[in-house]
Amino acid sequence: MRRSCRARDEAGTALPAVIGLMMIGLLLVGLVFELARWGSLWRETAFVAEAAAEAGAATIDLATLRSGTVALSPDLAIAAAVTAGNEARPRPNRVITAAVPAPDIVCVDVSQEYSSALLNLFGATSVQVSATACASPARG
């Protein structure tokens, strides 16, 4: 039995399509992995901001407390927040800033750079991940 020339000419035409689909699949798996890493870093950054804000809110000014008003000691609150943020989950290149916008509130902003090899393929060298948390002293 003799094969037709048309069947022989089409041999192997699916191979480039299969290779292309495999490359697209591999790229999608890498993208999912990078999104999971970014989400993990964002959760960690939010955790550090909340822990630092709570530590800063624990520094109550005792002189104003004796007069009946609950207020923070601004210098101690900022120092405690930055120290707690650095100790919660230490990472290189993490920036922690704290401020006391009101006498009874401390706010902490944590930012960290996220870089990935997959994003470098698309021209994005790094992405800044940041989180902000505020806390005030309360009974609990």
C-alpha atoms as a PDB file:
ATOM      1  CA  MET A   1       0.000   0.000   0.000  1.00  0.00           C
ATOM      2  CA  ARG A   2       1.352   3.361  -0.962  1.00  0.00           C
ATOM      3  CA  ARG A   3       0.993   6.551   1.115  1.00  0.00           C
ATOM      4  CA  SER A   4      -0.038   9.720  -0.530  1.00  0.00           C
ATOM      5  CA  CYS A   5       2.440  12.574  -0.831  1.00  0.00           C
ATOM      6  CA  ARG A   6       0.086  14.863   1.049  1.00  0.00           C
ATOM      7  CA  ALA A   7       0.274  12.733   4.211  1.00  0.00           C
ATOM      8  CA  ARG A   8       4.062  12.706   4.076  1.00  0.00           C
ATOM      9  CA  ASP A   9       4.222  16.488   3.634  1.00  0.00           C
ATOM     10  CA  GLU A  10       2.164  17.104   6.784  1.00  0.00           C
ATOM     11  CA  ALA A  11       4.287  14.887   8.995  1.00  0.00           C
ATOM     12  CA  GLY A  12       5.616  16.820  12.028  1.00  0.00           C
ATOM     13  CA  THR A  13       3.434  19.904  11.637  1.00  0.00           C
ATOM     14  CA  ALA A  14       1.971  19.512  15.117  1.00  0.00           C
ATOM     15  CA  LEU A  15       5.400  19.554  16.766  1.00  0.00           C
ATOM     16  CA  PRO A  16       5.941  23.359  16.620  1.00  0.00           C
ATOM     17  CA  ALA A  17       2.432  23.926  17.963  1.00  0.00           C
ATOM     18  CA  VAL A  18       3.018  21.513  20.852  1.00  0.00           C
ATOM     19  CA  ILE A  19       6.346  23.156  21.673  1.00  0.00           C
ATOM     20  CA  GLY A  20       4.701  26.590  21.575  1.00  0.00           C
ATOM     21  CA  LEU A  21       1.897  25.456  23.878  1.00  0.00           C
ATOM     22  CA  MET A  22       4.427  23.954  26.278  1.00  0.00           C
ATOM     23  CA  MET A  23       6.354  27.236  26.404  1.00  0.00           C
ATOM     24  CA  ILE A  24       3.152  29.191  27.059  1.00  0.00           C
ATOM     25  CA  GLY A  25       2.234  26.720  29.809  1.00  0.00           C
ATOM     26  CA  LEU A  26       5.660  27.061  31.380  1.00  0.00           C
ATOM     27  CA  LEU A  27       5.360  30.848  31.285  1.00  0.00           C
ATOM     28  CA  LEU A  28       1.944  30.667  32.969  1.00  0.00           C
ATOM     29  CA  VAL A  29       3.276  28.374  35.702  1.00  0.00           C
ATOM     30  CA  GLY A  30       6.108  30.845  36.301  1.00  0.00           C
ATOM     31  CA  LEU A  31       3.629  33.720  36.448  1.00  0.00           C
ATOM     32  CA  VAL A  32       1.519  31.896  39.038  1.00  0.00           C
ATOM     33  CA  PHE A  33       4.651  31.232  41.087  1.00  0.00           C
ATOM     34  CA  GLU A  34       5.683  34.900  40.928  1.00  0.00           C
ATOM     35  CA  LEU A  35       2.197  36.062  41.936  1.00  0.00           C
ATOM     36  CA  ALA A  36       2.310  33.695  44.921  1.00  0.00           C
ATOM     37  CA  ARG A  37       5.700  35.094  45.967  1.00  0.00           C
ATOM     38  CA  TRP A  38       4.399  38.665  45.600  1.00  0.00           C
ATOM     39  CA  GLY A  39       1.306  37.833  47.683  1.00  0.00           C
ATOM     40  CA  SER A  40       3.455  36.252  50.368  1.00  0.00           C
ATOM     41  CA  LEU A  41       5.670  39.333  50.532  1.00  0.00           C
ATOM     42  CA  TRP A  42       2.617  41.601  50.709  1.00  0.00           C
ATOM     43  CA  ARG A  43       1.154  39.556  53.619  1.00  0.00           C
ATOM     44  CA  GLU A  44       4.497  39.671  55.416  1.00  0.00           C
ATOM     45  CA  THR A  45       4.781  43.431  54.886  1.00  0.00           C
ATOM     46  CA  ALA A  46       1.251  43.951  56.240  1.00  0.00           C
ATOM     47  CA  PHE A  47       2.058  41.760  59.261  1.00  0.00           C
ATOM     48  CA  VAL A  48       5.189  43.787  60.025  1.00  0.00           C
ATOM     49  CA  ALA A  49       3.263  47.070  59.737  1.00  0.00           C
ATOM     50  CA  GLU A  50       0.544  45.851  62.118  1.00  0.00           C
ATOM     51  CA  ALA A  51       3.031  44.451  64.643  1.00  0.00           C
ATOM     52  CA  ALA A  52       5.051  47.662  64.597  1.00  0.00           C
ATOM     53  CA  ALA A  53       1.954  49.848  65.012  1.00  0.00           C
ATOM     54  CA  GLU A  54       0.758  47.779  67.968  1.00  0.00           C
ATOM     55  CA  ALA A  55       4.184  48.020  69.604  1.00  0.00           C
ATOM     56  CA  GLY A  56       4.202  51.781  69.114  1.00  0.00           C
ATOM     57  CA  ALA A  57       0.700  52.074  70.578  1.00  0.00           C
ATOM     58  CA  ALA A  58       1.916  50.399  73.760  1.00  0.00           C
ATOM     59  CA  THR A  59       4.128  53.369  74.694  1.00  0.00           C
ATOM     60  CA  ILE A  60       1.697  55.443  76.719  1.00  0.00           C
ATOM     61  CA  ASP A  61       2.873  58.718  78.234  1.00  0.00           C
ATOM     62  CA  LEU A  62       2.455  58.130  81.968  1.00  0.00           C
ATOM     63  CA  ALA A  63       2.349  61.830  82.898  1.00  0.00           C
ATOM     64  CA  THR A  64      -0.703  62.494  80.721  1.00  0.00           C
ATOM     65  CA  LEU A  65      -2.265  59.206  81.813  1.00  0.00           C
ATOM     66  CA  ARG A  66      -2.149  60.328  85.453  1.00  0.00           C
ATOM     67  CA  SER A  67      -4.051  63.459  84.474  1.00  0.00           C
ATOM     68  CA  GLY A  68      -6.791  61.297  82.953  1.00  0.00           C
ATOM     69  CA  THR A  69      -5.883  61.544  79.274  1.00  0.00           C
ATOM     70  CA  VAL A  70      -4.519  58.655  77.255  1.00  0.00           C
ATOM     71  CA  ALA A  71      -1.738  59.853  74.959  1.00  0.00           C
ATOM     72  CA  LEU A  72       1.349  58.354  73.430  1.00  0.00           C
ATOM     73  CA  SER A  73       4.896  59.438  74.022  1.00  0.00           C
ATOM     74  CA  PRO A  74       5.731  60.370  70.392  1.00  0.00           C
ATOM     75  CA  ASP A  75       9.474  59.708  70.495  1.00  0.00           C
ATOM     76  CA  LEU A  76       9.079  56.410  72.331  1.00  0.00           C
ATOM     77  CA  ALA A  77       6.202  55.332  70.067  1.00  0.00           C
ATOM     78  CA  ILE A  78       8.227  55.925  66.902  1.00  0.00           C
ATOM     79  CA  ALA A  79      11.301  54.196  68.324  1.00  0.00           C
ATOM     80  CA  ALA A  80       9.280  51.208  69.568  1.00  0.00           C
ATOM     81  CA  ALA A  81       7.446  50.874  66.257  1.00  0.00           C
ATOM     82  CA  VAL A  82      10.610  50.927  64.151  1.00  0.00           C
ATOM     83  CA  THR A  83      12.398  48.515  66.504  1.00  0.00           C
ATOM     84  CA  ALA A  84       9.471  46.082  66.560  1.00  0.00           C
ATOM     85  CA  GLY A  85       9.152  46.258  62.792  1.00  0.00           C
ATOM     86  CA  ASN A  86      12.810  45.420  62.311  1.00  0.00           C
ATOM     87  CA  GLU A  87      12.610  42.546  64.785  1.00  0.00           C
ATOM     88  CA  ALA A  88       9.288  41.064  63.617  1.00  0.00           C
ATOM     89  CA  ARG A  89      10.609  39.605  60.372  1.00  0.00           C
ATOM     90  CA  PRO A  90      13.981  41.076  59.474  1.00  0.00           C
ATOM     91  CA  ARG A  91      14.616  41.434  55.738  1.00  0.00           C
ATOM     92  CA  PRO A  92      17.235  43.387  53.810  1.00  0.00           C
ATOM     93  CA  ASN A  93      16.111  46.518  51.959  1.00  0.00           C
ATOM     94  CA  ARG A  94      12.978  46.966  54.074  1.00  0.00           C
ATOM     95  CA  VAL A  95      12.095  50.567  54.921  1.00  0.00           C
ATOM     96  CA  ILE A  96      10.028  51.258  58.038  1.00  0.00           C
ATOM     97  CA  THR A  97       8.761  54.731  58.876  1.00  0.00           C
ATOM     98  CA  ALA A  98       6.567  55.650  61.812  1.00  0.00           C
ATOM     99  CA  ALA A  99       4.683  58.807  62.719  1.00  0.00           C
ATOM    100  CA  VAL A 100       2.355  59.998  65.464  1.00  0.00           C
ATOM    101  CA  PRO A 101      -0.298  62.070  63.622  1.00  0.00           C
ATOM    102  CA  ALA A 102      -2.469  62.463  66.734  1.00  0.00           C
ATOM    103  CA  PRO A 103      -1.712  62.173  70.459  1.00  0.00           C
ATOM    104  CA  ASP A 104      -3.309  58.721  70.626  1.00  0.00           C
ATOM    105  CA  ILE A 105      -2.468  57.205  67.195  1.00  0.00           C
ATOM    106  CA  VAL A 106       0.741  55.794  65.756  1.00  0.00           C
ATOM    107  CA  CYS A 107       0.949  54.958  62.046  1.00  0.00           C
ATOM    108  CA  VAL A 108       3.615  52.774  60.469  1.00  0.00           C
ATOM    109  CA  ASP A 109       4.473  52.469  56.782  1.00  0.00           C
ATOM    110  CA  VAL A 110       6.523  49.483  55.642  1.00  0.00           C
ATOM    111  CA  SER A 111       7.839  49.146  52.109  1.00  0.00           C
ATOM    112  CA  GLN A 112      10.047  46.607  50.449  1.00  0.00           C
ATOM    113  CA  GLU A 113      11.314  46.052  46.935  1.00  0.00           C
ATOM    114  CA  TYR A 114      10.218  42.906  45.086  1.00  0.00           C
ATOM    115  CA  SER A 115      12.252  41.803  42.103  1.00  0.00           C
ATOM    116  CA  SER A 116      11.702  38.777  39.917  1.00  0.00           C
ATOM    117  CA  ALA A 117      13.441  37.221  36.962  1.00  0.00           C
ATOM    118  CA  LEU A 118      10.136  36.701  35.157  1.00  0.00           C
ATOM    119  CA  LEU A 119       9.227  40.381  35.401  1.00  0.00           C
ATOM    120  CA  ASN A 120      12.656  41.265  34.010  1.00  0.00           C
ATOM    121  CA  LEU A 121      11.629  39.550  30.770  1.00  0.00           C
ATOM    122  CA  PHE A 122       8.872  42.132  30.389  1.00  0.00           C
ATOM    123  CA  GLY A 123      11.035  45.127  31.308  1.00  0.00           C
ATOM    124  CA  ALA A 124       9.937  45.591  34.929  1.00  0.00           C
ATOM    125  CA  THR A 125      13.025  45.370  37.109  1.00  0.00           C
ATOM    126  CA  SER A 126      11.306  45.623  40.490  1.00  0.00           C
ATOM    127  CA  VAL A 127       8.010  46.455  42.161  1.00  0.00           C
ATOM    128  CA  GLN A 128       7.577  48.282  45.461  1.00  0.00           C
ATOM    129  CA  VAL A 129       5.350  46.449  47.968  1.00  0.00           C
ATOM    130  CA  SER A 130       4.071  48.574  50.849  1.00  0.00           C
ATOM    131  CA  ALA A 131       1.605  48.398  53.703  1.00  0.00           C
ATOM    132  CA  THR A 132       0.383  50.907  56.267  1.00  0.00           C
ATOM    133  CA  ALA A 133      -1.122  50.243  59.679  1.00  0.00           C
ATOM    134  CA  CYS A 134      -2.288  52.528  62.478  1.00  0.00           C
ATOM    135  CA  ALA A 135      -2.984  51.657  66.091  1.00  0.00           C
ATOM    136  CA  SER A 136      -4.060  53.398  69.251  1.00  0.00           C
ATOM    137  CA  PRO A 137      -3.851  52.351  72.886  1.00  0.00           C
ATOM    138  CA  ALA A 138      -6.892  50.466  74.097  1.00  0.00           C
ATOM    139  CA  ARG A 139      -7.893  48.250  76.938  1.00  0.00           C
ATOM    140  CA  GLY A 140      -7.720  44.615  76.117  1.00  0.00           C
END
